[in-house]
């Protein structure tokens, strides 16, 4: 169930204060229970959605049998040249046949006094049946760089075919039909050239690839609120031609994401989609809804099992309410991939799946655009739990004078006080206050500071947990020391 589909459901359901009230109470009850269960436990990381094994030895007997049958069926279609639909002849023109002639053609023949003989009619009928020709299938045919001919012995073939089988509950004929349609669509959509196409910069902020989760899945962010901007809307979806370009751009982004995957058993071969619903376009933007729905349909039909997790953040109440009502109609497989986070729980939810150094700063993480200070190779971020009413002290050593110290600091939910100072090793020197004690509210962005020391010493960060109700806080920090080049 997509965002737009749920919205459509919401608009189609008659307004009922009782239904909404019950749904709201149910949602709040579940959320309160979740909050109480998580109270004082810090952020729980999730490892419950590891991809299903693509090793043949790990498959169930019925799954092994289905994989074998699909490979045999596919190989027969490739070698027998029956994989693609027949194409209409492009050269030459055909005369109408007797019984199959159009009314206009018959009238024209009569007007000109022509008499179509029986043998000529048969000849034309034969010509009519030859209007379609077989499409030759390349024996080297592949998809996402993986050969489809099982006899090639590529281990990626099993991985790809299992995606189609899982999308169709291991029903071989259904999986084969889905694969056929996908190959036909890729041919008609000219996927082979899509990676080289250039699109305007307006859409770059609407969806983009950025970082990986804890399991190594590439992260794709979909920012629906961007399309509510009238200026961007006109440039990207203002007419039919632009909407078609929007589709090609979104498919191109998916293909770029797939290039980051590795189709081998035991390797990462799916993405995580993070969908930001903040300021999503309203019901008046029907063109936006239609374009997004069409893009989602294309991805669902032609990229099976490429989403390890679908995380929705900044989710409004109506989505929670109607999802709770529609949830019984979703399959367990679909529900296991869906995650929803209210605006106040965005960072906490993302942290279950994504390390904080990979979460963009606008979502409470430490990742900054065009960051020239910290990179992936700079190592893990340290985590510290601060008990309610307690103080935590972090020391960053600065043994050499003239060094530049850089640090990032973030406390989940903040509501703490923070002080930063430089303490020299020389007892006769003075302590330098970098940031005097300051209360940090829940809406504070992660902190980044830089300090150049003129003598050896250390940076001391003092964080006090000011929150009550015995609520623990999770603190994240990292630092880097740049030595003087002199």
Protein backbone atom coordinates (compact mmCIF):
# COMPACT_ATOMS: atom_id res chain seq x y z
CA UNK A 1 0.00 0.00 0.00
CA UNK A 2 1.64 3.22 -1.15
CA UNK A 3 1.35 6.68 0.34
CA UNK A 4 -0.83 7.91 -2.48
CA UNK A 5 -3.05 4.82 -2.39
CA UNK A 6 -3.68 5.29 1.32
CA UNK A 7 -4.46 8.97 0.75
CA UNK A 8 -6.90 7.97 -1.96
CA UNK A 9 -8.51 5.51 0.45
CA UNK A 10 -8.72 8.26 3.05
CA UNK A 11 -10.50 10.62 0.69
CA UNK A 12 -12.85 7.88 -0.50
CA UNK A 13 -14.00 6.95 3.02
CA UNK A 14 -16.93 9.05 4.30
CA UNK A 15 -16.03 11.25 7.23
CA UNK A 16 -16.95 9.72 10.54
CA UNK A 17 -15.91 11.24 13.82
CA UNK A 18 -16.52 7.95 15.62
CA UNK A 19 -14.25 5.97 13.26
CA UNK A 20 -11.49 8.56 13.45
CA UNK A 21 -11.82 8.79 17.20
CA UNK A 22 -11.55 5.01 17.58
CA UNK A 23 -8.61 4.89 15.21
CA UNK A 24 -6.89 7.74 17.02
CA UNK A 25 -7.39 6.08 20.40
CA UNK A 26 -6.08 2.77 19.04
CA UNK A 27 -3.01 4.40 17.53
CA UNK A 28 -2.28 6.41 20.68
CA UNK A 29 -2.68 3.30 22.80
CA UNK A 30 -0.19 1.40 20.66
CA UNK A 31 2.25 4.31 20.63
CA UNK A 32 1.97 4.77 24.40
CA UNK A 33 2.65 1.07 24.88
CA UNK A 34 5.67 1.28 22.58
CA UNK A 35 6.97 4.35 24.40
CA UNK A 36 6.59 2.69 27.80
CA UNK A 37 8.30 -0.46 26.59
CA UNK A 38 11.23 1.56 25.23
CA UNK A 39 11.48 3.85 28.28
CA UNK A 40 15.01 3.87 29.57
CA UNK A 41 16.26 1.27 27.11
CA UNK A 42 17.91 3.63 24.66
CA UNK A 43 17.71 3.10 20.91
CA UNK A 44 17.18 -0.52 19.96
CA UNK A 45 18.91 -1.46 16.72
CA UNK A 46 16.97 -3.71 14.40
CA UNK A 47 18.49 -6.73 12.73
CA UNK A 48 15.20 -8.44 11.97
CA UNK A 49 15.02 -7.72 8.28
CA UNK A 50 18.12 -9.37 6.89
CA UNK A 51 17.52 -10.42 3.32
CA UNK A 52 16.29 -13.92 2.71
CA UNK A 53 19.04 -16.33 1.75
CA UNK A 54 19.82 -16.80 -1.93
CA UNK A 55 21.95 -19.87 -1.33
CA UNK A 56 20.17 -22.85 -2.98
CA UNK A 57 21.06 -25.01 0.02
CA UNK A 58 19.02 -22.70 2.30
CA UNK A 59 15.86 -22.89 0.21
CA UNK A 60 12.88 -25.06 1.09
CA UNK A 61 12.22 -28.05 -1.17
CA UNK A 62 9.26 -26.39 -2.91
CA UNK A 63 11.38 -23.24 -3.46
CA UNK A 64 14.24 -25.25 -4.95
CA UNK A 65 11.80 -26.99 -7.28
CA UNK A 66 10.25 -23.68 -8.35
CA UNK A 67 13.69 -22.18 -9.06
CA UNK A 68 14.68 -25.20 -11.15
CA UNK A 69 11.42 -25.07 -13.13
CA UNK A 70 11.70 -21.33 -13.76
CA UNK A 71 15.27 -21.68 -15.02
CA UNK A 72 14.23 -24.49 -17.36
CA UNK A 73 11.20 -22.57 -18.62
CA UNK A 74 13.27 -19.43 -19.19
CA UNK A 75 16.03 -21.30 -21.00
CA UNK A 76 13.48 -22.96 -23.27
CA UNK A 77 11.96 -19.58 -24.12
CA UNK A 78 15.35 -18.01 -24.86
CA UNK A 79 16.64 -20.87 -26.99
CA UNK A 80 13.24 -21.30 -28.66
CA UNK A 81 13.04 -17.59 -29.49
CA UNK A 82 9.65 -17.16 -27.77
CA UNK A 83 10.53 -14.78 -24.95
CA UNK A 84 9.26 -11.58 -26.57
CA UNK A 85 5.95 -10.74 -28.22
CA UNK A 86 5.89 -10.68 -32.00
CA UNK A 87 6.40 -7.27 -33.58
CA UNK A 88 4.45 -5.70 -36.42
CA UNK A 89 6.27 -5.36 -39.72
CA UNK A 90 7.41 -1.83 -40.30
CA UNK A 91 8.26 -1.98 -44.00
CA UNK A 92 5.77 -2.15 -46.84
CA UNK A 93 2.02 -1.72 -46.84
CA UNK A 94 -0.57 -4.42 -47.01
CA UNK A 95 -3.81 -4.39 -49.02
CA UNK A 96 -6.99 -5.27 -47.20
CA UNK A 97 -8.21 -8.85 -47.34
CA UNK A 98 -11.69 -9.98 -48.40
CA UNK A 99 -13.53 -10.97 -45.27
CA UNK A 100 -11.31 -8.87 -43.04
CA UNK A 101 -11.55 -5.73 -45.12
CA UNK A 102 -12.74 -2.56 -43.45
CA UNK A 103 -16.07 -1.11 -44.55
CA UNK A 104 -14.31 1.89 -46.14
CA UNK A 105 -11.98 -0.35 -48.17
CA UNK A 106 -14.88 -2.46 -49.45
CA UNK A 107 -16.77 0.62 -50.52
CA UNK A 108 -13.68 1.92 -52.30
CA UNK A 109 -13.23 -1.38 -54.13
CA UNK A 110 -16.84 -1.33 -55.25
CA UNK A 111 -16.64 2.29 -56.36
CA UNK A 112 -13.63 1.52 -58.52
CA UNK A 113 -15.36 -1.49 -59.95
CA UNK A 114 -12.76 -3.92 -58.68
CA UNK A 115 -13.59 -7.56 -58.33
CA UNK A 116 -11.49 -9.43 -55.85
CA UNK A 117 -10.96 -13.01 -57.00
CA UNK A 118 -10.93 -15.94 -54.62
CA UNK A 119 -7.27 -16.73 -55.15
CA UNK A 120 -6.33 -13.08 -54.64
CA UNK A 121 -8.33 -13.04 -51.42
CA UNK A 122 -6.44 -16.08 -50.14
CA UNK A 123 -3.15 -14.45 -51.05
CA UNK A 124 -4.05 -11.30 -49.17
CA UNK A 125 -5.17 -13.34 -46.17
CA UNK A 126 -1.77 -15.02 -46.11
CA UNK A 127 -0.06 -11.64 -46.33
CA UNK A 128 -2.20 -10.41 -43.43
CA UNK A 129 -1.08 -13.31 -41.23
CA UNK A 130 2.53 -12.44 -41.97
CA UNK A 131 2.21 -8.86 -40.75
CA UNK A 132 3.84 -9.86 -37.41
CA UNK A 133 7.33 -11.32 -37.15
CA UNK A 134 9.19 -13.08 -34.38
CA UNK A 135 11.58 -10.97 -32.31
CA UNK A 136 14.96 -12.63 -32.15
CA UNK A 137 16.13 -13.26 -28.60
CA UNK A 138 19.78 -12.60 -27.88
CA UNK A 139 21.26 -15.72 -26.30
CA UNK A 140 23.38 -13.37 -24.16
CA UNK A 141 20.28 -11.64 -22.79
CA UNK A 142 20.76 -10.24 -19.31
CA UNK A 143 19.03 -8.02 -16.76
CA UNK A 144 20.91 -5.70 -14.37
CA UNK A 145 24.11 -7.19 -15.76
CA UNK A 146 23.11 -10.74 -14.84
CA UNK A 147 22.75 -13.34 -17.66
CA UNK A 148 19.34 -15.01 -17.72
CA UNK A 149 20.49 -18.18 -19.44
CA UNK A 150 21.03 -20.58 -16.54
CA UNK A 151 23.51 -22.67 -18.53
CA UNK A 152 25.93 -19.73 -18.36
CA UNK A 153 26.54 -20.77 -14.74
CA UNK A 154 26.42 -17.23 -13.30
CA UNK A 155 25.55 -17.29 -9.58
CA UNK A 156 23.64 -14.04 -10.00
CA UNK A 157 21.01 -15.78 -12.15
CA UNK A 158 19.56 -17.56 -9.11
CA UNK A 159 19.51 -14.30 -7.12
CA UNK A 160 17.56 -12.44 -9.82
CA UNK A 161 15.11 -15.26 -10.53
CA UNK A 162 14.41 -15.69 -6.81
CA UNK A 163 13.27 -12.06 -6.70
CA UNK A 164 10.58 -12.77 -9.28
CA UNK A 165 9.62 -16.03 -7.58
CA UNK A 166 9.29 -14.41 -4.15
CA UNK A 167 7.22 -11.59 -5.63
CA UNK A 168 4.78 -14.24 -6.91
CA UNK A 169 4.84 -16.63 -3.92
CA UNK A 170 6.97 -19.13 -5.85
CA UNK A 171 4.31 -19.68 -8.49
CA UNK A 172 6.47 -20.47 -11.50
CA UNK A 173 4.07 -19.43 -14.29
CA UNK A 174 3.24 -16.15 -12.56
CA UNK A 175 6.92 -15.38 -11.96
CA UNK A 176 7.77 -16.20 -15.58
CA UNK A 177 4.98 -13.94 -16.83
CA UNK A 178 6.21 -11.12 -14.59
CA UNK A 179 9.76 -11.52 -15.90
CA UNK A 180 8.50 -11.55 -19.50
CA UNK A 181 6.57 -8.32 -18.97
CA UNK A 182 9.56 -6.70 -17.26
CA UNK A 183 11.89 -7.57 -20.14
CA UNK A 184 9.33 -6.28 -22.65
CA UNK A 185 8.91 -3.05 -20.66
CA UNK A 186 12.66 -2.51 -20.39
CA UNK A 187 12.95 -2.88 -24.13
CA UNK A 188 10.11 -0.45 -24.88
CA UNK A 189 11.23 2.01 -22.18
CA UNK A 190 14.79 1.91 -23.60
CA UNK A 191 16.41 1.19 -20.26
CA UNK A 192 19.80 0.55 -21.86
CA UNK A 193 20.23 4.26 -22.61
CA UNK A 194 18.55 5.72 -19.53
CA UNK A 195 21.70 6.02 -17.40
CA UNK A 196 23.22 8.41 -19.94
CA UNK A 197 20.22 10.75 -20.06
CA UNK A 198 20.42 14.21 -18.52
CA UNK A 199 17.56 15.66 -16.49
CA UNK A 200 17.10 19.10 -14.96
CA UNK A 201 18.46 19.79 -11.47
CA UNK A 202 14.99 20.58 -10.09
CA UNK A 203 14.26 16.94 -9.28
CA UNK A 204 17.53 16.23 -7.48
CA UNK A 205 16.01 17.24 -4.15
CA UNK A 206 12.84 15.17 -4.67
CA UNK A 207 14.65 11.83 -4.46
CA UNK A 208 18.29 10.88 -4.09
CA UNK A 209 20.63 8.10 -2.98
CA UNK A 210 22.57 8.85 0.22
CA UNK A 211 24.51 6.43 2.42
CA UNK A 212 23.84 2.89 3.60
CA UNK A 213 22.00 1.26 6.50
CA UNK A 214 23.48 -1.03 9.16
CA UNK A 215 23.29 -4.02 6.81
CA UNK A 216 24.89 -2.17 3.88
CA UNK A 217 21.69 -1.50 1.91
CA UNK A 218 21.89 1.74 -0.11
CA UNK A 219 19.44 4.37 1.16
CA UNK A 220 17.06 6.13 -1.21
CA UNK A 221 15.30 9.22 0.17
CA UNK A 222 11.97 10.32 -1.36
CA UNK A 223 11.04 13.85 -0.31
CA UNK A 224 7.39 14.30 -1.32
CA UNK A 225 7.11 17.81 0.11
CA UNK A 226 9.41 19.18 -2.61
CA UNK A 227 6.69 18.58 -5.19
CA UNK A 228 4.29 20.85 -3.28
CA UNK A 229 6.44 23.85 -4.21
CA UNK A 230 4.60 25.56 -7.07
CA UNK A 231 7.77 26.61 -8.88
CA UNK A 232 9.30 23.13 -8.76
CA UNK A 233 5.93 21.59 -9.62
CA UNK A 234 5.63 23.65 -12.82
CA UNK A 235 9.18 22.79 -13.87
CA UNK A 236 8.84 19.09 -13.24
CA UNK A 237 5.18 18.09 -13.63
CA UNK A 238 3.59 21.09 -15.33
CA UNK A 239 2.63 19.24 -18.53
CA UNK A 240 2.43 15.72 -19.94
CA UNK A 241 5.91 15.83 -21.48
CA UNK A 242 7.45 16.83 -18.14
CA UNK A 243 5.51 14.10 -16.34
CA UNK A 244 6.95 11.52 -18.74
CA UNK A 245 10.42 12.91 -18.04
CA UNK A 246 9.67 12.60 -14.33
CA UNK A 247 9.00 8.88 -14.82
CA UNK A 248 12.24 8.34 -16.72
CA UNK A 249 14.18 10.29 -14.09
CA UNK A 250 12.73 8.17 -11.26
CA UNK A 251 13.50 4.94 -13.12
CA UNK A 252 17.01 6.22 -13.78
CA UNK A 253 17.50 6.81 -10.05
CA UNK A 254 16.39 3.22 -9.37
CA UNK A 255 18.84 1.90 -11.95
CA UNK A 256 21.64 3.96 -10.37
CA UNK A 257 20.77 2.47 -7.00
CA UNK A 258 20.87 -1.05 -8.43
CA UNK A 259 24.39 -0.42 -9.69
CA UNK A 260 25.43 -0.28 -6.04
CA UNK A 261 24.14 -3.83 -5.44
CA UNK A 262 25.88 -7.16 -5.91
CA UNK A 263 23.88 -10.09 -7.24
CA UNK A 264 25.63 -12.86 -5.38
CA UNK A 265 24.36 -15.13 -2.59
CA UNK A 266 25.07 -13.55 0.77
CA UNK A 267 25.56 -10.05 -0.69
CA UNK A 268 23.33 -6.97 -0.48
CA UNK A 269 20.93 -6.91 -3.42
CA UNK A 270 18.12 -4.58 -2.32
CA UNK A 271 17.60 -0.96 -1.22
CA UNK A 272 15.98 0.80 1.73
CA UNK A 273 13.43 3.46 0.80
CA UNK A 274 12.98 6.37 3.22
CA UNK A 275 9.85 8.38 2.43
CA UNK A 276 9.51 11.82 3.99
CA UNK A 277 5.82 12.80 4.12
CA UNK A 278 6.40 16.26 5.58
CA UNK A 279 4.43 18.87 3.60
CA UNK A 280 3.27 16.24 1.10
CA UNK A 281 1.15 17.67 -1.75
CA UNK A 282 -2.55 17.88 -0.94
CA UNK A 283 -5.54 16.54 -2.82
CA UNK A 284 -5.59 19.56 -5.16
CA UNK A 285 -2.33 18.47 -6.82
CA UNK A 286 -3.89 15.59 -8.77
CA UNK A 287 -1.10 15.61 -11.37
CA UNK A 288 1.46 15.03 -8.63
CA UNK A 289 -0.51 12.12 -7.25
CA UNK A 290 -0.97 10.60 -10.72
CA UNK A 291 2.74 10.94 -11.58
CA UNK A 292 3.88 9.51 -8.23
CA UNK A 293 1.38 6.64 -8.48
CA UNK A 294 2.55 5.83 -11.98
CA UNK A 295 6.19 5.85 -10.91
CA UNK A 296 5.44 3.62 -7.92
CA UNK A 297 3.49 1.22 -10.16
CA UNK A 298 6.41 0.96 -12.58
CA UNK A 299 8.84 0.23 -9.78
CA UNK A 300 6.52 -2.35 -8.18
CA UNK A 301 5.89 -4.15 -11.47
CA UNK A 302 9.46 -4.20 -12.78
CA UNK A 303 11.73 -4.21 -9.72
CA UNK A 304 10.46 -7.08 -7.54
CA UNK A 305 11.94 -7.58 -4.08
CA UNK A 306 14.32 -4.64 -4.45
CA UNK A 307 13.09 -2.98 -1.25
CA UNK A 308 14.39 -4.43 1.99
CA UNK A 309 12.53 -1.85 4.07
CA UNK A 310 10.06 0.97 3.37
CA UNK A 311 10.44 3.60 6.11
CA UNK A 312 7.89 6.43 6.26
CA UNK A 313 8.91 9.42 8.38
CA UNK A 314 7.09 12.60 9.44
CA UNK A 315 3.90 10.59 9.08
CA UNK A 316 0.69 12.59 9.74
CA UNK A 317 -2.02 11.21 11.99
CA UNK A 318 -4.44 10.34 9.17
CA UNK A 319 -1.86 7.92 7.77
CA UNK A 320 -1.57 6.09 11.09
CA UNK A 321 -5.32 5.96 11.45
CA UNK A 322 -6.13 4.55 8.06
CA UNK A 323 -3.14 2.23 7.98
CA UNK A 324 -4.39 0.67 11.22
CA UNK A 325 -7.75 0.11 9.53
CA UNK A 326 -6.26 -1.24 6.29
CA UNK A 327 -3.48 -3.28 7.87
CA UNK A 328 -5.52 -6.53 8.06
CA UNK A 329 -5.69 -6.55 4.25
CA UNK A 330 -1.89 -6.43 3.78
CA UNK A 331 0.20 -9.58 3.51
CA UNK A 332 2.60 -10.39 6.32
CA UNK A 333 5.47 -10.03 3.86
CA UNK A 334 4.40 -6.48 3.00
CA UNK A 335 3.75 -5.48 6.60
CA UNK A 336 7.18 -6.74 7.69
CA UNK A 337 8.81 -4.20 5.37
CA UNK A 338 6.80 -1.17 6.48
CA UNK A 339 7.97 1.21 9.22
CA UNK A 340 6.20 4.42 10.29
CA UNK A 341 7.54 7.30 12.37
CA UNK A 342 5.74 10.34 13.75
CA UNK A 343 7.59 13.68 13.45
CA UNK A 344 8.82 13.41 17.06
CA UNK A 345 10.22 9.91 16.47
CA UNK A 346 12.09 10.37 13.18
CA UNK A 347 15.67 10.18 14.47
CA UNK A 348 14.89 7.44 16.97
CA UNK A 349 13.24 5.32 14.29
CA UNK A 350 15.96 5.81 11.69
CA UNK A 351 18.61 4.87 14.26
CA UNK A 352 17.12 1.38 14.51
CA UNK A 353 18.21 0.76 10.93
CA UNK A 354 20.80 3.40 10.03
CA UNK A 355 23.99 4.40 11.90
CA UNK A 356 23.87 8.02 13.02
CA UNK A 357 26.84 9.02 10.85
CA UNK A 358 24.78 7.96 7.81
CA UNK A 359 21.62 9.88 8.81
CA UNK A 360 21.39 13.38 7.24
CA UNK A 361 21.63 16.25 9.71
CA UNK A 362 18.08 17.42 8.90
CA UNK A 363 16.83 14.13 10.37
CA UNK A 364 18.90 14.40 13.53
CA UNK A 365 21.98 12.56 12.26
CA UNK A 366 25.57 13.63 11.77
CA UNK A 367 25.82 13.43 7.99
CA UNK A 368 26.29 16.81 6.33
CA UNK A 369 26.14 17.59 2.64
CA UNK A 370 29.59 18.08 1.07
CA UNK A 371 31.27 17.33 4.40
CA UNK A 372 35.01 18.00 4.06
CA UNK A 373 35.80 17.18 7.70
CA UNK A 374 34.41 13.69 8.29
CA UNK A 375 34.20 10.83 5.83
CA UNK A 376 33.08 7.19 5.97
CA UNK A 377 36.68 6.13 6.54
CA UNK A 378 36.88 8.20 9.77
CA UNK A 379 35.43 5.32 11.77
CA UNK A 380 32.44 4.70 14.01
CA UNK A 381 30.68 7.25 16.16
CA UNK A 382 30.83 6.64 19.92
CA UNK A 383 27.60 6.15 21.88
CA UNK A 384 27.06 6.92 25.56
CA UNK A 385 23.93 6.51 27.71
CA UNK A 386 23.36 9.34 30.18
CA UNK A 387 21.11 8.41 33.10
CA UNK A 388 18.48 10.87 34.32
CA UNK A 389 19.98 13.55 36.57
CA UNK A 390 23.55 12.43 35.87
CA UNK A 391 26.50 14.08 34.11
CA UNK A 392 28.74 12.66 31.41
CA UNK A 393 32.20 14.04 30.65
CA UNK A 394 33.96 13.48 27.32
CA UNK A 395 37.63 14.26 26.90
CA UNK A 396 39.32 14.83 23.55
CA UNK A 397 43.11 14.77 23.84
CA UNK A 398 45.13 17.56 22.24
CA UNK A 399 48.77 16.56 22.93
CA UNK A 400 50.32 18.83 20.31
CA UNK A 401 50.09 22.61 20.17
CA UNK A 402 48.83 24.10 16.93
CA UNK A 403 46.43 21.24 16.19
CA UNK A 404 42.87 21.75 14.97
CA UNK A 405 40.23 19.73 16.81
CA UNK A 406 36.83 19.07 15.24
CA UNK A 407 33.95 17.31 16.99
CA UNK A 408 30.31 16.43 16.40
CA UNK A 409 27.89 16.02 19.28
CA UNK A 410 24.25 14.94 19.31
CA UNK A 411 21.93 13.85 22.11
CA UNK A 412 18.77 12.07 21.06
CA UNK A 413 15.89 14.33 22.12
CA UNK A 414 18.35 16.73 23.76
CA UNK A 415 16.77 18.35 26.92
CA UNK A 416 20.29 18.45 28.35
CA UNK A 417 22.75 21.19 29.25
CA UNK A 418 26.10 21.26 27.52
CA UNK A 419 29.42 22.98 28.28
CA UNK A 420 32.58 22.89 26.12
CA UNK A 421 36.02 24.04 27.25
CA UNK A 422 39.73 23.60 26.58
CA UNK A 423 41.78 22.56 29.61
CA UNK A 424 45.57 23.03 29.16
CA UNK A 425 48.08 20.55 30.58
CA UNK A 426 50.06 23.40 32.13
CA UNK A 427 48.52 24.12 35.53
CA UNK A 428 49.62 27.73 35.25
CA UNK A 429 47.59 28.29 32.07
CA UNK A 430 43.96 29.29 31.99
CA UNK A 431 41.01 27.15 30.92
CA UNK A 432 39.35 28.48 27.78
CA UNK A 433 35.56 28.43 27.62
CA UNK A 434 34.51 27.39 24.11
CA UNK A 435 30.79 27.22 24.94
CA UNK A 436 29.50 28.15 28.35
CA UNK A 437 26.83 25.92 29.83
CA UNK A 438 23.75 26.06 27.67
CA UNK A 439 20.42 24.27 27.77
CA UNK A 440 19.75 22.35 24.58
CA UNK A 441 16.08 21.91 23.62
CA UNK A 442 14.49 19.00 21.79
CA UNK A 443 14.54 20.94 18.50
CA UNK A 444 18.32 21.56 18.57
CA UNK A 445 20.37 20.44 15.58
CA UNK A 446 23.52 18.33 16.06
CA UNK A 447 26.51 20.42 17.15
CA UNK A 448 29.78 20.74 15.26
CA UNK A 449 32.65 22.75 16.75
CA UNK A 450 36.23 23.52 15.73
CA UNK A 451 39.04 24.66 18.02
CA UNK A 452 42.73 25.33 17.41
CA UNK A 453 44.90 24.92 20.50
CA UNK A 454 48.01 27.01 21.15
CA UNK A 455 49.30 24.57 23.76
CA UNK A 456 48.86 20.93 24.70
CA UNK A 457 45.79 19.97 26.70
CA UNK A 458 42.36 18.52 26.11
CA UNK A 459 38.82 19.43 25.07
CA UNK A 460 36.32 18.67 27.84
CA UNK A 461 32.62 18.28 26.98
CA UNK A 462 30.27 18.19 29.98
CA UNK A 463 26.69 17.04 29.35
CA UNK A 464 24.03 16.98 32.08
CA UNK A 465 20.79 15.08 31.63
CA UNK A 466 18.12 17.56 32.73
CA UNK A 467 15.08 15.44 31.88
CA UNK A 468 12.94 13.93 34.59
CA UNK A 469 10.87 10.75 34.86
CA UNK A 470 14.04 8.66 35.02
CA UNK A 471 14.48 9.09 31.29
CA UNK A 472 17.85 8.05 29.94
CA UNK A 473 19.44 9.89 27.04
CA UNK A 474 21.50 8.53 24.19
CA UNK A 475 24.51 10.64 23.25
CA UNK A 476 26.57 10.33 20.06
CA UNK A 477 29.92 11.96 19.43
CA UNK A 478 32.98 11.74 17.22
CA UNK A 479 36.10 13.82 16.89
CA UNK A 480 39.07 14.37 14.65
CA UNK A 481 42.47 15.95 15.21
CA UNK A 482 44.27 17.73 12.39
CA UNK A 483 47.92 18.21 13.18
CA UNK A 484 49.68 21.39 12.22
CA UNK A 485 51.47 21.23 8.87
CA UNK A 486 54.23 23.57 10.17
